[in-house]
Amino acid sequence: MGANAGPDVRVCRLLHHNATAFAIDASTGRLKPLNQQETGGTNGVHLAVDPSNRFLVVSNYSSGSVVVLPINADGSLAPLSDLVQLQGKPGPQIYD
């Protein structure tokens, strides 16, 4: 999963409990890890960067929560600033 998180291209990856920020090395095209922050939940499945490029929003599938991680000026992620626990049973819903 990728996201543009600043004036130059940056990439984020979600894995279990963490979001990882990467920069793209302009000379080699290789990814350079910047840092990793906990997402406050499990199984992050969607991410989005707000229009100001200042916040990463992550939805956690298994724990049924949505969190906000501020994006630092260098593209790294700050610890989560907001967590909303959604009501109801997390996971797929089966309707008759």
Protein backbone atom coordinates (compact mmCIF):
# COMPACT_ATOMS: atom_id res chain seq x y z
CA MET A 1 0.00 0.00 0.00
CA GLY A 2 1.38 3.38 -0.82
CA ALA A 3 0.60 6.95 -0.04
CA ASN A 4 2.02 10.32 -0.99
CA ALA A 5 2.85 11.86 2.34
CA GLY A 6 4.69 15.01 1.45
CA PRO A 7 6.33 17.13 -1.22
CA ASP A 8 8.43 14.19 -2.40
CA VAL A 9 7.13 10.66 -2.68
CA ARG A 10 6.93 8.61 0.49
CA VAL A 11 5.46 5.18 1.02
CA CYS A 12 3.69 3.63 4.01
CA ARG A 13 3.12 -0.03 4.76
CA LEU A 14 0.70 -1.60 7.22
CA LEU A 15 1.57 -4.85 8.95
CA HIS A 16 -0.38 -6.28 11.91
CA HIS A 17 0.00 -3.61 14.65
CA ASN A 18 2.33 -1.18 12.89
CA ALA A 19 2.55 1.42 10.14
CA THR A 20 6.00 1.87 8.59
CA ALA A 21 7.09 5.02 6.75
CA PHE A 22 9.62 4.88 3.93
CA ALA A 23 11.32 7.49 1.75
CA ILE A 24 12.32 6.76 -1.84
CA ASP A 25 16.03 7.37 -2.47
CA ALA A 26 16.06 9.66 -5.52
CA SER A 27 19.43 8.38 -6.78
CA THR A 28 18.75 4.63 -6.50
CA GLY A 29 14.95 4.36 -6.38
CA ARG A 30 15.29 2.12 -3.33
CA LEU A 31 13.10 2.40 -0.26
CA LYS A 32 14.70 3.77 2.88
CA PRO A 33 12.88 2.94 6.13
CA LEU A 34 12.17 6.07 8.17
CA ASN A 35 10.38 4.65 11.21
CA GLN A 36 7.53 2.55 12.51
CA GLN A 37 4.62 3.41 14.82
CA GLU A 38 1.96 1.26 16.46
CA THR A 39 -1.53 1.66 15.00
CA GLY A 40 -3.36 1.07 18.28
CA GLY A 41 -5.18 -1.94 16.83
CA THR A 42 -4.76 -5.09 14.76
CA ASN A 43 -4.76 -5.80 11.04
CA GLY A 44 -4.57 -2.34 9.52
CA VAL A 45 -6.29 -2.64 6.15
CA HIS A 46 -6.70 0.87 4.75
CA LEU A 47 -4.64 3.99 4.95
CA ALA A 48 -5.13 7.50 3.65
CA VAL A 49 -3.21 10.74 3.89
CA ASP A 50 -5.28 13.87 4.53
CA PRO A 51 -5.19 16.65 1.89
CA SER A 52 -2.71 18.72 3.95
CA ASN A 53 -0.23 15.77 4.03
CA ARG A 54 -0.01 16.14 7.80
CA PHE A 55 -1.91 13.05 8.98
CA LEU A 56 -2.12 9.35 8.13
CA VAL A 57 -5.50 7.74 8.88
CA VAL A 58 -5.51 3.97 9.39
CA SER A 59 -8.46 1.60 9.77
CA ASN A 60 -7.82 -1.54 11.85
CA TYR A 61 -9.94 -4.46 10.67
CA SER A 62 -9.73 -6.99 13.51
CA SER A 63 -9.94 -4.49 16.35
CA GLY A 64 -12.59 -2.30 14.68
CA SER A 65 -10.85 1.02 15.17
CA VAL A 66 -9.68 4.06 13.21
CA VAL A 67 -6.53 5.95 14.21
CA VAL A 68 -4.66 9.09 13.22
CA LEU A 69 -0.87 9.23 13.05
CA PRO A 70 0.67 12.68 12.50
CA ILE A 71 3.25 12.86 9.71
CA ASN A 72 6.48 14.66 10.66
CA ALA A 73 8.19 17.12 8.28
CA ASP A 74 10.72 14.44 7.26
CA GLY A 75 7.91 11.99 6.37
CA SER A 76 8.34 9.81 9.45
CA LEU A 77 5.30 9.00 11.58
CA ALA A 78 4.64 10.42 15.05
CA PRO A 79 2.84 8.32 17.69
CA LEU A 80 -0.92 8.10 17.23
CA SER A 81 -2.82 11.21 18.22
CA ASP A 82 -6.40 9.92 17.99
CA LEU A 83 -8.11 6.53 18.26
CA VAL A 84 -11.80 5.89 17.68
CA GLN A 85 -13.15 2.50 18.70
CA LEU A 86 -16.08 1.63 16.45
CA GLN A 87 -19.19 0.05 17.95
CA GLY A 88 -20.33 -3.45 17.03
CA LYS A 89 -18.53 -6.68 16.25
CA PRO A 90 -15.31 -6.23 14.21
CA GLY A 91 -14.90 -8.23 11.02
CA PRO A 92 -17.20 -9.19 8.21
CA GLN A 93 -20.91 -8.81 8.84
CA ILE A 94 -23.30 -11.52 7.66
CA TYR A 95 -26.85 -10.42 7.03
CA ASP A 96 -29.76 -12.81 6.43
